[in-house]
N, C-alpha and C. Protein backbone atom coordinates (compact mmCIF):
# COMPACT_ATOMS: atom_id res chain seq x y z
N MET A 1 -23.81 44.97 16.52
CA MET A 1 -24.44 44.70 15.25
C MET A 1 -24.40 43.19 14.95
N ALA A 2 -23.26 42.56 15.26
CA ALA A 2 -23.15 41.12 15.03
C ALA A 2 -24.11 40.36 15.92
N THR A 3 -24.28 40.81 17.17
CA THR A 3 -25.19 40.15 18.10
C THR A 3 -26.62 40.24 17.60
N GLU A 4 -27.01 41.39 17.05
CA GLU A 4 -28.35 41.55 16.50
C GLU A 4 -28.57 40.61 15.32
N LEU A 5 -27.59 40.51 14.46
CA LEU A 5 -27.70 39.64 13.29
C LEU A 5 -27.87 38.20 13.71
N ILE A 6 -27.08 37.76 14.67
CA ILE A 6 -27.18 36.39 15.16
C ILE A 6 -28.55 36.16 15.79
N GLY A 7 -29.04 37.14 16.55
CA GLY A 7 -30.36 37.02 17.16
C GLY A 7 -31.47 36.90 16.14
N GLN A 8 -31.36 37.64 15.05
CA GLN A 8 -32.38 37.60 14.00
C GLN A 8 -32.35 36.28 13.24
N MET A 9 -31.16 35.71 13.08
CA MET A 9 -31.01 34.50 12.28
C MET A 9 -31.21 33.22 13.08
N SER A 10 -31.15 33.31 14.39
CA SER A 10 -31.26 32.10 15.20
C SER A 10 -32.72 31.80 15.51
N GLY A 11 -32.99 30.55 15.77
CA GLY A 11 -34.35 30.12 16.09
C GLY A 11 -34.34 28.69 16.57
N GLU A 12 -35.51 28.14 16.77
CA GLU A 12 -35.63 26.75 17.21
C GLU A 12 -35.23 25.81 16.07
N TRP A 13 -34.60 24.70 16.46
CA TRP A 13 -34.19 23.68 15.50
C TRP A 13 -35.41 22.92 15.03
N GLU A 14 -35.63 22.91 13.72
CA GLU A 14 -36.77 22.21 13.13
C GLU A 14 -36.24 21.19 12.13
N PRO A 15 -35.93 19.98 12.61
CA PRO A 15 -35.31 18.97 11.73
C PRO A 15 -36.19 18.56 10.56
N GLU A 16 -37.51 18.71 10.67
CA GLU A 16 -38.40 18.32 9.57
C GLU A 16 -38.22 19.21 8.35
N LYS A 17 -37.58 20.34 8.51
CA LYS A 17 -37.31 21.24 7.39
C LYS A 17 -36.21 20.69 6.47
N TYR A 18 -35.41 19.78 7.00
CA TYR A 18 -34.23 19.32 6.27
C TYR A 18 -34.41 17.88 5.81
N ARG A 19 -33.77 17.56 4.69
CA ARG A 19 -33.87 16.24 4.10
C ARG A 19 -32.47 15.73 3.82
N ASP A 20 -32.21 14.49 4.13
CA ASP A 20 -30.91 13.88 3.89
C ASP A 20 -30.85 13.42 2.44
N GLU A 21 -30.32 14.27 1.57
CA GLU A 21 -30.25 13.96 0.14
C GLU A 21 -29.35 12.76 -0.15
N TYR A 22 -28.24 12.67 0.55
CA TYR A 22 -27.31 11.55 0.33
C TYR A 22 -28.01 10.23 0.62
N LYS A 23 -28.68 10.15 1.76
CA LYS A 23 -29.37 8.93 2.15
C LYS A 23 -30.45 8.59 1.13
N HIS A 24 -31.19 9.59 0.68
CA HIS A 24 -32.26 9.37 -0.30
C HIS A 24 -31.68 8.79 -1.60
N LYS A 25 -30.61 9.40 -2.11
CA LYS A 25 -30.00 8.93 -3.36
C LYS A 25 -29.39 7.53 -3.21
N LEU A 26 -28.80 7.27 -2.05
CA LEU A 26 -28.21 5.96 -1.81
C LEU A 26 -29.28 4.88 -1.78
N LEU A 27 -30.38 5.12 -1.08
CA LEU A 27 -31.47 4.15 -1.03
C LEU A 27 -32.06 3.92 -2.41
N HIS A 28 -32.20 4.97 -3.21
CA HIS A 28 -32.70 4.84 -4.58
C HIS A 28 -31.76 3.97 -5.41
N LEU A 29 -30.46 4.18 -5.27
CA LEU A 29 -29.47 3.39 -6.00
C LEU A 29 -29.54 1.92 -5.58
N ILE A 30 -29.71 1.66 -4.29
CA ILE A 30 -29.81 0.29 -3.79
C ILE A 30 -31.05 -0.39 -4.38
N GLU A 31 -32.17 0.34 -4.42
CA GLU A 31 -33.40 -0.21 -5.00
C GLU A 31 -33.20 -0.55 -6.47
N GLN A 32 -32.52 0.31 -7.22
CA GLN A 32 -32.26 0.06 -8.63
C GLN A 32 -31.39 -1.18 -8.81
N LYS A 33 -30.41 -1.34 -7.94
CA LYS A 33 -29.52 -2.48 -8.03
C LYS A 33 -30.27 -3.77 -7.74
N ILE A 34 -31.17 -3.74 -6.78
CA ILE A 34 -31.98 -4.92 -6.45
C ILE A 34 -32.88 -5.28 -7.63
N GLU A 35 -33.51 -4.28 -8.23
CA GLU A 35 -34.41 -4.50 -9.36
C GLU A 35 -33.67 -5.05 -10.57
N SER A 36 -32.42 -4.66 -10.77
CA SER A 36 -31.67 -5.11 -11.93
C SER A 36 -30.97 -6.44 -11.69
N GLY A 37 -31.19 -7.07 -10.55
CA GLY A 37 -30.61 -8.38 -10.28
C GLY A 37 -29.16 -8.30 -9.83
N GLY A 38 -28.78 -7.23 -9.20
CA GLY A 38 -27.43 -7.11 -8.67
C GLY A 38 -26.47 -6.38 -9.59
N GLU A 39 -26.92 -6.08 -10.81
CA GLU A 39 -26.08 -5.34 -11.74
C GLU A 39 -26.11 -3.86 -11.39
N MET A 40 -25.00 -3.21 -11.56
CA MET A 40 -24.93 -1.78 -11.30
C MET A 40 -25.57 -1.04 -12.46
N PRO A 41 -26.61 -0.25 -12.21
CA PRO A 41 -27.25 0.48 -13.31
C PRO A 41 -26.35 1.59 -13.83
N GLU A 42 -26.57 1.94 -15.10
CA GLU A 42 -25.80 3.03 -15.70
C GLU A 42 -26.16 4.34 -15.02
N ALA A 43 -25.16 5.11 -14.74
CA ALA A 43 -25.39 6.41 -14.11
C ALA A 43 -25.93 7.37 -15.16
N LYS A 44 -26.94 8.12 -14.78
CA LYS A 44 -27.54 9.08 -15.70
C LYS A 44 -26.87 10.43 -15.54
N GLY A 45 -26.61 11.05 -16.66
CA GLY A 45 -26.09 12.42 -16.63
C GLY A 45 -24.63 12.55 -16.26
N THR A 46 -23.94 11.45 -16.16
CA THR A 46 -22.52 11.56 -15.86
C THR A 46 -21.73 11.34 -17.14
N SER A 47 -20.78 12.16 -17.35
CA SER A 47 -19.93 12.02 -18.52
C SER A 47 -18.50 11.81 -18.05
N LYS A 48 -17.80 10.98 -18.77
CA LYS A 48 -16.42 10.73 -18.41
C LYS A 48 -15.58 11.89 -18.91
N LYS A 49 -14.79 12.42 -18.03
CA LYS A 49 -13.92 13.54 -18.39
C LYS A 49 -12.66 13.00 -19.06
N ALA A 50 -12.21 13.74 -20.02
CA ALA A 50 -10.95 13.39 -20.65
C ALA A 50 -9.84 13.67 -19.64
N PRO A 51 -8.87 12.77 -19.57
CA PRO A 51 -7.80 13.00 -18.59
C PRO A 51 -7.04 14.27 -18.91
N GLY A 52 -6.75 15.02 -17.89
CA GLY A 52 -5.99 16.25 -18.04
C GLY A 52 -4.50 15.95 -18.06
N LYS A 53 -3.73 16.98 -18.08
CA LYS A 53 -2.29 16.83 -18.07
C LYS A 53 -1.86 16.38 -16.68
N VAL A 54 -1.23 15.22 -16.61
CA VAL A 54 -0.79 14.66 -15.35
C VAL A 54 0.71 14.90 -15.22
N ILE A 55 1.10 15.44 -14.10
CA ILE A 55 2.50 15.73 -13.86
C ILE A 55 3.06 14.70 -12.89
N ASP A 56 4.16 14.08 -13.27
CA ASP A 56 4.82 13.12 -12.40
C ASP A 56 5.73 13.89 -11.45
N LEU A 57 5.25 14.10 -10.24
CA LEU A 57 5.99 14.93 -9.28
C LEU A 57 7.33 14.32 -8.90
N VAL A 58 7.39 13.00 -8.83
CA VAL A 58 8.65 12.36 -8.44
C VAL A 58 9.74 12.67 -9.47
N SER A 59 9.40 12.56 -10.75
CA SER A 59 10.43 12.83 -11.77
C SER A 59 10.82 14.31 -11.78
N VAL A 60 9.87 15.18 -11.54
CA VAL A 60 10.18 16.61 -11.49
C VAL A 60 11.11 16.91 -10.32
N LEU A 61 10.85 16.31 -9.16
CA LEU A 61 11.71 16.51 -8.00
C LEU A 61 13.10 15.93 -8.22
N GLN A 62 13.16 14.74 -8.85
CA GLN A 62 14.47 14.14 -9.13
C GLN A 62 15.27 15.03 -10.08
N GLN A 63 14.62 15.58 -11.09
CA GLN A 63 15.30 16.45 -12.03
C GLN A 63 15.81 17.70 -11.31
N SER A 64 15.00 18.24 -10.42
CA SER A 64 15.39 19.42 -9.66
C SER A 64 16.60 19.13 -8.78
N LEU A 65 16.61 17.96 -8.15
CA LEU A 65 17.76 17.58 -7.32
C LEU A 65 19.02 17.41 -8.15
N GLN A 66 18.89 16.81 -9.33
CA GLN A 66 20.04 16.63 -10.21
C GLN A 66 20.61 17.98 -10.63
N GLU A 67 19.74 18.91 -10.95
CA GLU A 67 20.20 20.24 -11.35
C GLU A 67 20.88 20.95 -10.19
N ALA A 68 20.36 20.76 -8.98
CA ALA A 68 20.97 21.38 -7.80
C ALA A 68 22.34 20.77 -7.54
N GLU A 69 22.49 19.46 -7.74
CA GLU A 69 23.78 18.79 -7.55
C GLU A 69 24.79 19.30 -8.59
N LYS A 70 24.34 19.47 -9.82
CA LYS A 70 25.23 19.99 -10.87
C LYS A 70 25.71 21.39 -10.52
N GLY A 71 24.81 22.20 -10.02
CA GLY A 71 25.16 23.56 -9.62
C GLY A 71 26.16 23.56 -8.47
N ALA A 72 26.00 22.64 -7.53
CA ALA A 72 26.93 22.55 -6.39
C ALA A 72 28.30 22.08 -6.87
N LYS A 73 28.34 21.16 -7.82
CA LYS A 73 29.62 20.66 -8.34
C LYS A 73 30.35 21.77 -9.11
N LYS A 74 29.60 22.57 -9.86
CA LYS A 74 30.22 23.67 -10.60
C LYS A 74 30.79 24.69 -9.63
N ALA A 75 30.09 24.93 -8.55
CA ALA A 75 30.56 25.91 -7.56
C ALA A 75 31.86 25.42 -6.91
N LYS A 76 32.01 24.12 -6.72
CA LYS A 76 33.23 23.58 -6.12
C LYS A 76 34.39 23.64 -7.10
N LYS A 77 34.12 23.44 -8.40
CA LYS A 77 35.18 23.42 -9.40
C LYS A 77 35.73 24.81 -9.70
N THR A 78 34.91 25.82 -9.63
CA THR A 78 35.39 27.17 -9.95
C THR A 78 36.22 27.69 -8.79
N PRO A 79 37.40 28.23 -9.10
CA PRO A 79 38.26 28.72 -8.01
C PRO A 79 37.64 29.94 -7.36
N HIS A 80 37.83 30.02 -6.07
CA HIS A 80 37.30 31.15 -5.32
C HIS A 80 38.20 32.36 -5.59
N LYS A 81 37.59 33.51 -5.64
CA LYS A 81 38.36 34.73 -5.85
C LYS A 81 39.18 35.00 -4.60
N GLN A 82 40.41 35.33 -4.86
CA GLN A 82 41.27 35.63 -3.72
C GLN A 82 40.86 36.96 -3.12
N SER A 83 41.00 37.05 -1.85
CA SER A 83 40.65 38.32 -1.21
C SER A 83 41.72 39.36 -1.55
N ARG A 84 41.38 40.59 -1.46
CA ARG A 84 42.28 41.69 -1.84
C ARG A 84 43.47 41.77 -0.91
N LYS A 85 43.37 41.20 0.28
CA LYS A 85 44.49 41.24 1.21
C LYS A 85 45.71 40.55 0.62
N HIS A 86 45.49 39.44 -0.07
CA HIS A 86 46.60 38.68 -0.65
C HIS A 86 47.18 39.37 -1.87
N LEU A 87 46.38 40.21 -2.50
CA LEU A 87 46.86 40.86 -3.71
C LEU A 87 47.64 42.14 -3.40
N ARG A 88 47.50 42.70 -2.22
CA ARG A 88 48.20 43.93 -1.88
C ARG A 88 49.68 43.65 -1.67
N LYS A 89 50.46 44.57 -2.06
CA LYS A 89 51.90 44.41 -1.88
C LYS A 89 52.25 44.76 -0.44
N ALA A 90 53.20 44.09 0.05
CA ALA A 90 53.63 44.37 1.42
C ALA A 90 54.32 45.73 1.44
N ALA A 91 54.08 46.48 2.47
CA ALA A 91 54.64 47.84 2.56
C ALA A 91 55.99 47.86 3.21
């Protein structure tokens, strides 16, 4: 079934069917810049987005490391439970 689908969709390469939109827009922008005397023309239809919430990853990681160090220090300070072997009376 996959082979049939590929056979139906494949054909001769016809490059004239395709247009390089990036190249077209770039050449248009260059022409506008030349016409304006080297000044960059205002972009049409673009709006500046309001900045979103930016997270400082370095500070978050540092805080996480500090909390992990505190947890490790607390674990060292708390006495370990003695095993039951030591608590049993000798027979």
